Protein backbone atom coordinates (compact mmCIF):
# COMPACT_ATOMS: atom_id res chain seq x y z
CA MET A 1 28.85 -5.29 -70.96
CA MET A 2 32.55 -6.02 -70.62
CA SER A 3 33.86 -9.05 -72.44
CA SER A 4 35.46 -11.61 -70.13
CA LEU A 5 39.25 -11.63 -70.15
CA PRO A 6 41.34 -14.79 -69.78
CA ALA A 7 42.89 -15.53 -66.42
CA THR A 8 46.38 -15.21 -67.87
CA ASP A 9 47.29 -13.80 -71.26
CA PRO A 10 50.83 -12.54 -71.84
CA THR A 11 49.66 -10.53 -74.86
CA LEU A 12 47.56 -8.25 -72.67
CA PRO A 13 49.17 -4.87 -71.95
CA PHE A 14 50.98 -4.67 -68.64
CA VAL A 15 49.50 -1.83 -66.58
CA SER A 16 51.16 0.17 -63.82
CA VAL A 17 48.63 1.67 -61.41
CA ILE A 18 50.22 4.70 -59.73
CA ILE A 19 48.73 6.04 -56.50
CA PRO A 20 50.17 9.23 -55.00
CA THR A 21 49.27 9.47 -51.33
CA TYR A 22 49.80 11.75 -48.37
CA ASN A 23 48.53 10.91 -44.87
CA ARG A 24 45.47 8.96 -46.00
CA LYS A 25 46.27 5.42 -44.96
CA ASP A 26 42.65 4.41 -44.28
CA SER A 27 41.45 5.75 -47.61
CA LEU A 28 44.46 4.20 -49.35
CA LEU A 29 43.61 0.81 -47.90
CA ARG A 30 40.13 1.02 -49.39
CA THR A 31 41.58 1.93 -52.79
CA LEU A 32 44.04 -0.98 -52.67
CA ASP A 33 41.28 -3.36 -51.65
CA SER A 34 39.25 -2.39 -54.73
CA LEU A 35 42.29 -3.00 -56.93
CA SER A 36 42.74 -6.46 -55.42
CA ARG A 37 39.34 -7.45 -56.86
CA GLN A 38 39.97 -6.52 -60.49
CA THR A 39 38.86 -8.84 -63.27
CA TYR A 40 41.98 -7.85 -65.20
CA PRO A 41 44.57 -10.61 -64.62
CA ALA A 42 46.61 -9.93 -61.51
CA ASP A 43 49.83 -10.90 -63.30
CA ARG A 44 49.25 -8.20 -65.94
CA PHE A 45 49.32 -5.18 -63.64
CA GLU A 46 51.26 -3.75 -60.74
CA VAL A 47 50.40 -1.13 -58.15
CA ILE A 48 52.92 1.56 -57.20
CA VAL A 49 52.14 3.63 -54.10
CA VAL A 50 54.13 6.86 -53.94
CA ASP A 51 54.18 8.13 -50.36
CA ASP A 52 54.72 11.88 -50.65
CA GLY A 53 56.44 12.32 -47.29
CA GLY A 54 53.48 11.41 -45.10
CA SER A 55 53.67 10.72 -41.37
CA ASP A 56 50.57 8.64 -40.63
CA GLY A 57 52.07 5.16 -40.99
CA THR A 58 51.20 4.60 -44.65
CA GLU A 59 54.09 2.14 -44.84
CA ALA A 60 52.10 -0.26 -42.65
CA VAL A 61 49.35 -0.32 -45.27
CA VAL A 62 51.61 -1.13 -48.21
CA GLU A 63 53.32 -3.87 -46.21
CA GLN A 64 50.06 -5.82 -46.03
CA VAL A 65 49.54 -8.81 -48.31
CA PHE A 66 47.47 -8.16 -51.43
CA PRO A 67 46.80 -10.54 -54.34
CA VAL A 68 48.53 -8.11 -56.73
CA THR A 69 52.10 -6.93 -57.20
CA LEU A 70 52.44 -3.94 -54.88
CA ARG A 71 55.48 -1.68 -54.67
CA SER A 72 55.99 1.44 -52.61
CA VAL A 73 58.18 4.48 -53.13
CA ARG A 74 58.74 7.22 -50.60
CA GLN A 75 59.84 10.75 -51.35
CA GLU A 76 60.08 14.03 -49.49
CA ASN A 77 56.88 16.03 -49.62
CA GLN A 78 56.78 17.67 -53.06
CA GLY A 79 53.13 17.48 -54.06
CA ASP A 80 51.03 14.96 -55.96
CA ALA A 81 52.16 16.11 -59.40
CA TYR A 82 55.74 15.17 -58.62
CA ALA A 83 54.53 11.97 -56.96
CA ARG A 84 52.80 10.95 -60.20
CA ASN A 85 55.98 11.63 -62.14
CA ARG A 86 58.05 9.57 -59.71
CA GLY A 87 55.63 6.67 -60.05
CA ALA A 88 55.74 6.89 -63.84
CA GLN A 89 59.53 6.73 -63.81
CA GLU A 90 59.41 3.64 -61.58
CA ALA A 91 56.70 1.90 -63.63
CA ARG A 92 57.27 -1.33 -65.57
CA GLY A 93 53.98 -1.16 -67.46
CA THR A 94 53.34 0.00 -71.00
CA ILE A 95 50.14 1.70 -69.80
CA LEU A 96 50.07 4.02 -66.80
CA GLN A 97 46.88 4.24 -64.76
CA PHE A 98 46.92 7.10 -62.27
CA LEU A 99 44.54 6.67 -59.37
CA ASP A 100 43.95 8.96 -56.41
CA ASP A 101 43.99 7.49 -52.92
CA ASP A 102 40.37 8.49 -52.22
CA ILE A 103 38.90 6.61 -55.18
CA VAL A 104 37.36 3.12 -55.20
CA VAL A 105 37.13 1.29 -58.52
CA GLU A 106 34.71 -1.38 -59.68
CA PRO A 107 36.15 -4.84 -60.49
CA GLY A 108 35.98 -4.22 -64.24
CA PHE A 109 37.73 -0.85 -64.12
CA LEU A 110 41.16 -1.78 -65.49
CA ALA A 111 39.75 -4.14 -68.11
CA ALA A 112 37.44 -1.40 -69.40
CA VAL A 113 40.30 1.11 -69.58
CA VAL A 114 42.63 -1.27 -71.44
CA GLU A 115 39.94 -2.02 -74.04
CA GLN A 116 40.06 1.62 -75.13
CA TYR A 117 43.66 1.24 -76.31
CA ALA A 118 42.91 -1.36 -78.98
CA ASN A 119 44.00 -0.02 -82.39
CA ARG A 120 44.48 3.52 -81.06
CA ASP A 121 47.72 5.42 -80.70
CA LYS A 122 47.65 8.98 -79.39
CA LEU A 123 45.16 8.41 -76.63
CA MET A 124 44.40 9.45 -73.06
CA VAL A 125 41.63 7.65 -71.16
CA ILE A 126 39.69 8.52 -68.05
CA GLY A 127 37.17 6.34 -66.30
CA THR A 128 33.66 7.30 -65.25
CA LEU A 129 33.89 9.03 -61.89
CA LEU A 130 30.86 9.16 -59.59
CA PRO A 131 30.47 10.38 -56.00
CA LEU A 132 30.95 7.64 -53.41
CA PRO A 133 27.53 7.12 -51.79
CA SER A 134 27.37 8.43 -48.24
CA VAL A 135 25.52 6.67 -45.43
CA SER A 136 23.81 9.88 -44.34
CA PRO A 137 24.23 12.35 -47.20
CA THR A 138 23.68 16.04 -46.63
CA VAL A 139 21.31 18.01 -48.83
CA PHE A 140 24.33 19.41 -50.65
CA GLU A 141 25.71 15.89 -51.27
CA ARG A 142 22.39 14.77 -52.72
CA VAL A 143 22.29 17.75 -55.10
CA VAL A 144 25.85 17.04 -56.26
CA ALA A 145 25.13 13.33 -56.72
CA ALA A 146 22.06 14.07 -58.84
CA LYS A 147 24.27 15.91 -61.33
CA HIS A 148 26.47 12.85 -61.94
CA GLN A 149 25.01 10.16 -64.15
CA PRO A 150 27.18 7.52 -65.89
CA PRO A 151 27.25 7.77 -69.71
CA ALA A 152 25.59 5.03 -71.72
CA THR A 153 28.59 4.62 -74.03
CA SER A 154 32.23 5.60 -74.11
CA ASP A 155 32.70 9.03 -75.61
CA GLN A 156 35.35 11.50 -76.68
CA LEU A 157 35.78 14.51 -74.40
CA ASP A 158 37.24 17.97 -74.71
CA PHE A 159 40.80 18.06 -73.40
CA THR A 160 39.71 20.35 -70.52
CA GLN A 161 37.59 17.52 -69.06
CA ILE A 162 40.61 15.48 -68.03
CA LEU A 163 40.71 14.06 -64.48
CA SER A 164 44.19 13.28 -63.17
CA GLY A 165 42.77 11.04 -60.45
CA ILE A 166 41.63 8.42 -62.97
CA LEU A 167 43.80 9.25 -65.98
CA SER A 168 45.63 6.65 -68.05
CA LEU A 169 47.91 6.77 -71.07
CA ARG A 170 50.90 4.91 -72.45
CA LYS A 171 54.11 5.37 -70.48
CA GLU A 172 56.15 6.31 -73.56
CA HIS A 173 53.70 9.10 -74.31
CA TYR A 174 53.58 10.41 -70.76
CA LEU A 175 57.36 10.70 -70.64
CA ALA A 176 57.63 12.16 -74.16
CA LEU A 177 55.04 14.83 -73.34
CA GLY A 178 57.10 16.01 -70.38
CA MET A 179 54.98 14.49 -67.59
CA MET A 180 52.99 16.67 -65.17
CA GLN A 181 54.23 20.22 -64.71
CA PRO A 182 52.77 21.90 -61.61
CA VAL A 183 51.06 25.22 -62.15
CA VAL A 184 51.61 26.30 -58.53
CA LYS A 185 54.88 26.16 -56.62
CA SER A 186 53.62 23.63 -54.05
CA GLY A 187 53.57 20.86 -56.65
CA SER A 188 49.83 20.40 -56.20
CA SER A 189 47.94 18.86 -59.08
CA VAL A 190 45.58 21.87 -59.30
CA TRP A 191 45.24 22.51 -63.05
CA CYS A 192 48.36 20.48 -63.87
CA ASP A 193 46.15 17.85 -65.50
CA VAL A 194 44.52 20.44 -67.78
CA GLU A 195 47.92 21.94 -68.55
CA PHE A 196 49.24 18.46 -69.40
CA SER A 197 46.14 17.64 -71.45
CA TYR A 198 46.54 20.89 -73.37
CA ARG A 199 50.11 20.00 -74.31
CA ALA A 200 48.91 16.54 -75.37
CA HIS A 201 46.01 18.06 -77.33
CA LYS A 202 48.42 20.21 -79.31
CA GLN A 203 50.34 17.03 -80.19
CA GLY A 204 47.21 15.38 -81.59
CA PHE A 205 46.14 13.28 -78.59
CA GLU A 206 42.48 12.49 -77.97
CA LEU A 207 40.77 12.18 -74.58
CA TRP A 208 38.22 9.41 -74.18
CA ARG A 209 36.02 8.36 -71.27
CA ALA A 210 35.52 4.64 -70.74
CA ALA A 211 31.86 4.25 -69.78
CA ASP A 212 32.36 0.86 -68.09
CA ALA A 213 35.41 1.94 -66.07
CA LEU A 214 33.38 2.91 -63.03
CA ALA A 215 35.05 4.60 -60.07
CA TYR A 216 33.70 6.27 -56.94
CA HIS A 217 35.25 9.35 -55.37
CA ASP A 218 35.15 9.89 -51.60
CA ASP A 219 35.44 13.62 -52.18
CA TYR A 220 35.63 15.70 -48.99
CA ALA A 221 34.72 18.84 -50.93
CA VAL A 222 31.19 17.70 -51.77
CA ARG A 223 30.19 16.97 -48.19
CA SER A 224 29.19 20.57 -47.57
CA LEU A 225 28.76 23.83 -49.42
CA SER A 226 31.50 25.36 -47.28
CA SER A 227 34.13 22.78 -48.26
CA ALA A 228 33.13 23.04 -51.94
CA CYS A 229 33.51 26.83 -51.79
CA GLN A 230 36.94 26.70 -50.21
CA ARG A 231 38.21 24.27 -52.83
CA ALA A 232 36.70 26.40 -55.60
CA ARG A 233 38.49 29.44 -54.22
CA ARG A 234 41.88 27.68 -54.11
CA MET A 235 41.36 26.22 -57.57
CA ALA A 236 40.45 29.61 -59.01
CA ALA A 237 43.47 31.30 -57.46
CA ALA A 238 45.72 28.72 -59.15
CA GLY A 239 43.86 29.33 -62.41
CA ALA A 240 45.50 32.73 -62.66
CA GLY A 241 48.87 30.98 -62.82
CA LEU A 242 47.58 28.61 -65.49
CA PHE A 243 46.57 31.52 -67.71
CA GLN A 244 49.86 33.26 -67.12
CA LYS A 245 51.55 30.18 -68.55
CA HIS A 246 49.02 29.61 -71.35
CA PRO A 247 46.95 32.79 -71.95
CA GLU A 248 45.16 31.13 -74.84
CA LEU A 249 43.53 28.66 -72.44
CA LYS A 250 41.13 31.36 -71.24
CA ALA A 251 39.04 30.71 -74.33
CA HIS A 252 38.66 27.03 -73.39
CA ILE A 253 37.66 27.27 -69.70
CA ALA A 254 34.28 28.95 -69.55
CA MET A 255 34.03 29.29 -65.77
CA PHE A 256 36.54 32.15 -65.82
CA ARG A 257 35.08 34.06 -68.74
CA ASP A 258 33.15 36.57 -66.61
CA LYS A 259 35.46 36.49 -63.56
CA GLY A 260 38.30 38.72 -64.79
CA PRO A 261 38.52 42.53 -64.86
CA ILE A 262 36.63 44.36 -67.58
CA ALA A 263 38.73 45.14 -70.65
CA TRP A 264 36.70 48.13 -71.82
CA ARG A 265 38.32 48.39 -75.25
CA GLU A 266 38.38 44.65 -75.94
CA ASP A 267 35.36 42.99 -74.32
CA PRO A 268 32.15 42.91 -76.37
CA PRO A 269 29.15 44.63 -74.72
CA ALA A 270 27.51 41.34 -73.74
CA LEU A 271 30.63 40.23 -71.88
CA ILE A 272 30.93 43.59 -70.14
CA LEU A 273 27.37 43.20 -68.88
CA ARG A 274 28.12 39.67 -67.69
CA LYS A 275 31.20 40.86 -65.80
CA LEU A 276 29.25 43.69 -64.18
CA ALA A 277 26.53 41.25 -63.14
CA ARG A 278 29.16 38.87 -61.77
CA GLN A 279 30.69 41.67 -59.70
CA VAL A 280 27.29 42.44 -58.18
CA ILE A 281 26.30 38.85 -57.42
CA SER A 282 29.76 38.12 -55.99
CA SER A 283 29.80 41.21 -53.77
CA ARG A 284 29.91 40.74 -50.00
CA PRO A 285 26.29 41.81 -49.37
CA ALA A 286 24.94 39.51 -52.08
CA MET A 287 27.05 36.57 -50.94
CA TRP A 288 26.04 37.16 -47.31
CA ALA A 289 22.37 37.13 -48.23
CA MET A 290 22.63 33.97 -50.34
CA GLU A 291 24.71 32.07 -47.80
CA HIS A 292 22.21 32.90 -45.06
CA ALA A 293 19.28 31.81 -47.25
CA VAL A 294 20.76 28.36 -47.90
CA PRO A 295 20.17 26.81 -44.42
CA PHE A 296 16.51 27.91 -44.52
CA LEU A 297 15.97 26.32 -47.93
CA GLU A 298 17.85 23.16 -46.94
CA ARG A 299 15.43 22.72 -44.03
CA HIS A 300 12.19 23.75 -45.70
CA ALA A 301 12.66 23.27 -49.46
CA PRO A 302 15.57 20.82 -50.00
CA GLY A 303 14.31 19.84 -53.44
CA SER A 304 13.78 23.34 -54.77
CA GLN A 305 15.42 24.64 -57.91
CA LEU A 306 16.15 27.89 -56.08
CA LEU A 307 18.46 26.01 -53.70
CA VAL A 308 20.32 24.48 -56.64
CA LEU A 309 20.73 27.95 -58.15
CA LEU A 310 21.98 29.40 -54.86
CA TYR A 311 24.57 26.65 -54.58
CA ARG A 312 25.76 27.46 -58.11
CA TRP A 313 25.84 31.23 -57.57
CA ILE A 314 27.66 30.96 -54.24
CA ILE A 315 30.32 28.61 -55.58
CA SER A 316 30.74 30.89 -58.60
CA GLY A 317 31.21 33.78 -56.17
CA TYR A 318 34.08 31.96 -54.51
CA ILE A 319 35.59 31.22 -57.90
CA TYR A 320 35.39 34.95 -58.62
CA ARG A 321 37.10 35.80 -55.31
CA GLY A 322 39.79 33.18 -55.74
CA TYR A 323 40.59 34.21 -59.29
CA ARG A 324 40.87 37.87 -58.35
CA GLU A 325 43.15 36.88 -55.44
CA GLY A 326 45.31 34.88 -57.83
CA LEU A 327 45.59 37.83 -60.22
CA ARG A 328 46.62 40.14 -57.37
CA GLU A 329 49.23 37.65 -56.22
CA LEU A 330 50.74 37.55 -59.71
CA ARG A 331 51.06 41.33 -59.76
CA LYS A 332 53.19 41.38 -56.59
């Protein structure tokens, strides 16, 4: 359980919550509402909304009255990575808490995050991210939700498990590490958190997850298998750019291990067999058959392990396709 914090304590770290947003005013309002109910003293944190060139009237949301210090910054559309950097540069806090505009946090979120910084220096912290419960969840949503269980205690994570949507670290460290550096030209945050975490890891930083810092993600990509596959494909295509920048990262991100071309003189036999099997299972006939089997199983056997396996294989197939597309794009 979280220890209660005093209503006002000037010795508590001042936190800057940075929310990059783009045309999500309704979702943003829900995020801001959850921040207005924090147990962490309202005079010890600020909220900075960085509007990345949206056109949906986000300014009307940030002009509303909230019981916290709320500032807004607007920039031309450059992508969420640059929006995070802009917010960091504007921040007055000693600790930066990045928060995506489709995430709702529990009242004890900030207090639980700040507790992790006691007597620790080179530290990055993420909260515990769970799917936001849906009123009428699809079969796919229920399968995804079943995979996410909150940890019993705070724990140290591998640097590849970073989540930019709920990441925090000290401002001085974020700036000294060079901030987020987009992997793709659009400025999207795809893989930029892992790339940032890798640079921090090489400088001796640790990544910890705060068990009590609970947050819920209204993630569009888990509403259906189709949306999850399309995101996986885009993510995998950007992964090719990540490995072009840091080839050594291939050894740390297992999902790509059997997705690349076979290196006949370098790959061990077991890996060659895995890559051949991946090519077969990701082929158009195999993917067609699996994708057409899913609706039948969702209707007649929604709790079957076979359905779970099909979801995994299909998404892996789209990762394979996306990664190969990314490699071809790099060769142009």
